[in-house]
Amino acid sequence: MLKRIEAILDEKVRPELAFHGGDVEVLDFDGGVLHVRLLGQCANCPSAYLTTEQLIEAELHAALPEVEQVVLVQQVSDELLSQARAILAHHG
């Protein structure tokens, strides 16, 4: 199933995200729920949830009805956490 998901992402989703300087990473697929992370310029975009629902979920569900839901996982990068810790340590 993951190969089919990646093929749809490559064909329908990634070109759109690349136009905006972004990409998508598949984290997990279980029980009809796909967990993804947006990368690049799309990672912290205010429209990330809208992109997930209206582009990623719509394209995947249309091609693969087994994908019932796409969940966006947003995480703070290790680099950003390190920078924040350094700033806090310096001011503490």
C-alpha atoms as a PDB file:
ATOM      1  CA  MET A   1       0.000   0.000   0.000  1.00  0.00           C
ATOM      2  CA  LEU A   2       2.812   2.433   0.803  1.00  0.00           C
ATOM      3  CA  LYS A   3       4.191   2.067  -2.725  1.00  0.00           C
ATOM      4  CA  ARG A   4       0.779   2.976  -4.139  1.00  0.00           C
ATOM      5  CA  ILE A   5       0.508   5.948  -1.793  1.00  0.00           C
ATOM      6  CA  GLU A   6       3.994   7.166  -2.766  1.00  0.00           C
ATOM      7  CA  ALA A   7       3.122   6.786  -6.465  1.00  0.00           C
ATOM      8  CA  ILE A   8       0.027   9.003  -6.081  1.00  0.00           C
ATOM      9  CA  LEU A   9       2.019  11.527  -4.063  1.00  0.00           C
ATOM     10  CA  ASP A  10       4.728  11.578  -6.755  1.00  0.00           C
ATOM     11  CA  GLU A  11       2.220  12.012  -9.564  1.00  0.00           C
ATOM     12  CA  LYS A  12      -0.429  14.311  -8.100  1.00  0.00           C
ATOM     13  CA  VAL A  13       0.773  15.963  -4.898  1.00  0.00           C
ATOM     14  CA  ARG A  14       4.530  16.531  -4.901  1.00  0.00           C
ATOM     15  CA  PRO A  15       4.549  18.609  -8.102  1.00  0.00           C
ATOM     16  CA  GLU A  16       2.049  21.026  -6.518  1.00  0.00           C
ATOM     17  CA  LEU A  17       4.020  21.219  -3.284  1.00  0.00           C
ATOM     18  CA  ALA A  18       7.301  21.664  -5.174  1.00  0.00           C
ATOM     19  CA  PHE A  19       5.801  24.687  -6.918  1.00  0.00           C
ATOM     20  CA  HIS A  20       5.672  26.285  -3.452  1.00  0.00           C
ATOM     21  CA  GLY A  21       9.094  24.996  -2.366  1.00  0.00           C
ATOM     22  CA  GLY A  22       7.748  22.091  -0.343  1.00  0.00           C
ATOM     23  CA  ASP A  23       7.380  18.335  -0.170  1.00  0.00           C
ATOM     24  CA  VAL A  24       5.590  15.664   1.856  1.00  0.00           C
ATOM     25  CA  GLU A  25       6.977  12.770   3.885  1.00  0.00           C
ATOM     26  CA  VAL A  26       4.916   9.688   4.748  1.00  0.00           C
ATOM     27  CA  LEU A  27       5.346   8.773   8.403  1.00  0.00           C
ATOM     28  CA  ASP A  28       2.842   5.956   8.915  1.00  0.00           C
ATOM     29  CA  PHE A  29      -0.229   4.279   7.442  1.00  0.00           C
ATOM     30  CA  ASP A  30      -2.470   2.248   9.720  1.00  0.00           C
ATOM     31  CA  GLY A  31      -6.185   1.496   9.746  1.00  0.00           C
ATOM     32  CA  GLY A  32      -6.950   3.796   6.833  1.00  0.00           C
ATOM     33  CA  VAL A  33      -5.175   6.748   8.445  1.00  0.00           C
ATOM     34  CA  LEU A  34      -2.062   8.193   6.814  1.00  0.00           C
ATOM     35  CA  HIS A  35       0.259  10.363   8.904  1.00  0.00           C
ATOM     36  CA  VAL A  36       2.378  12.824   6.938  1.00  0.00           C
ATOM     37  CA  ARG A  37       4.769  15.692   7.558  1.00  0.00           C
ATOM     38  CA  LEU A  38       5.102  18.653   5.226  1.00  0.00           C
ATOM     39  CA  LEU A  39       8.657  19.708   4.397  1.00  0.00           C
ATOM     40  CA  GLY A  40      10.421  22.796   3.079  1.00  0.00           C
ATOM     41  CA  GLN A  41       8.381  25.967   2.692  1.00  0.00           C
ATOM     42  CA  CYS A  42       5.191  24.007   3.353  1.00  0.00           C
ATOM     43  CA  ALA A  43       6.339  22.854   6.813  1.00  0.00           C
ATOM     44  CA  ASN A  44       5.252  25.944   8.729  1.00  0.00           C
ATOM     45  CA  CYS A  45       2.855  27.449   6.233  1.00  0.00           C
ATOM     46  CA  PRO A  46      -0.369  28.832   7.727  1.00  0.00           C
ATOM     47  CA  SER A  47      -2.241  26.845   5.069  1.00  0.00           C
ATOM     48  CA  ALA A  48      -0.614  23.507   5.968  1.00  0.00           C
ATOM     49  CA  TYR A  49      -3.813  21.944   7.309  1.00  0.00           C
ATOM     50  CA  LEU A  50      -5.798  23.185   4.329  1.00  0.00           C
ATOM     51  CA  THR A  51      -3.162  21.777   1.964  1.00  0.00           C
ATOM     52  CA  THR A  52      -3.310  18.447   3.764  1.00  0.00           C
ATOM     53  CA  GLU A  53      -7.085  18.240   3.512  1.00  0.00           C
ATOM     54  CA  GLN A  54      -7.782  19.775   0.112  1.00  0.00           C
ATOM     55  CA  LEU A  55      -4.775  18.476  -1.812  1.00  0.00           C
ATOM     56  CA  ILE A  56      -3.161  15.476  -0.157  1.00  0.00           C
ATOM     57  CA  GLU A  57      -6.219  13.802   1.354  1.00  0.00           C
ATOM     58  CA  ALA A  58      -8.424  14.591  -1.648  1.00  0.00           C
ATOM     59  CA  GLU A  59      -5.963  13.174  -4.206  1.00  0.00           C
ATOM     60  CA  LEU A  60      -5.143  10.081  -2.178  1.00  0.00           C
ATOM     61  CA  HIS A  61      -8.743   9.258  -1.298  1.00  0.00           C
ATOM     62  CA  ALA A  62      -9.859   9.700  -4.917  1.00  0.00           C
ATOM     63  CA  ALA A  63      -7.201   7.248  -6.129  1.00  0.00           C
ATOM     64  CA  LEU A  64      -7.091   4.965  -3.085  1.00  0.00           C
ATOM     65  CA  PRO A  65     -10.359   4.797  -1.115  1.00  0.00           C
ATOM     66  CA  GLU A  66      -8.476   2.770   1.514  1.00  0.00           C
ATOM     67  CA  VAL A  67      -6.882   6.050   2.586  1.00  0.00           C
ATOM     68  CA  GLU A  68      -9.751   7.354   4.687  1.00  0.00           C
ATOM     69  CA  GLN A  69      -7.951  10.187   6.446  1.00  0.00           C
ATOM     70  CA  VAL A  70      -4.664  12.077   6.223  1.00  0.00           C
ATOM     71  CA  VAL A  71      -3.296  13.511   9.459  1.00  0.00           C
ATOM     72  CA  LEU A  72      -0.691  16.265   9.415  1.00  0.00           C
ATOM     73  CA  VAL A  73       2.045  15.820  12.004  1.00  0.00           C
ATOM     74  CA  GLN A  74       3.853  19.043  12.795  1.00  0.00           C
ATOM     75  CA  GLN A  75       7.054  18.907  14.783  1.00  0.00           C
ATOM     76  CA  VAL A  76       9.678  21.405  15.778  1.00  0.00           C
ATOM     77  CA  SER A  77      13.045  20.570  14.222  1.00  0.00           C
ATOM     78  CA  ASP A  78      15.984  19.573  16.415  1.00  0.00           C
ATOM     79  CA  GLU A  79      17.910  22.539  15.019  1.00  0.00           C
ATOM     80  CA  LEU A  80      15.232  25.001  16.142  1.00  0.00           C
ATOM     81  CA  LEU A  81      15.070  23.386  19.583  1.00  0.00           C
ATOM     82  CA  SER A  82      18.856  23.705  19.920  1.00  0.00           C
ATOM     83  CA  GLN A  83      18.711  27.378  18.974  1.00  0.00           C
ATOM     84  CA  ALA A  84      15.937  28.020  21.493  1.00  0.00           C
ATOM     85  CA  ARG A  85      17.860  26.228  24.254  1.00  0.00           C
ATOM     86  CA  ALA A  86      20.983  28.269  23.480  1.00  0.00           C
ATOM     87  CA  ILE A  87      19.029  31.521  23.656  1.00  0.00           C
ATOM     88  CA  LEU A  88      17.340  30.538  26.912  1.00  0.00           C
ATOM     89  CA  ALA A  89      20.629  29.379  28.459  1.00  0.00           C
ATOM     90  CA  HIS A  90      22.298  32.655  27.492  1.00  0.00           C
ATOM     91  CA  HIS A  91      19.523  34.736  29.065  1.00  0.00           C
ATOM     92  CA  GLY A  92      19.047  32.531  32.124  1.00  0.00           C
END
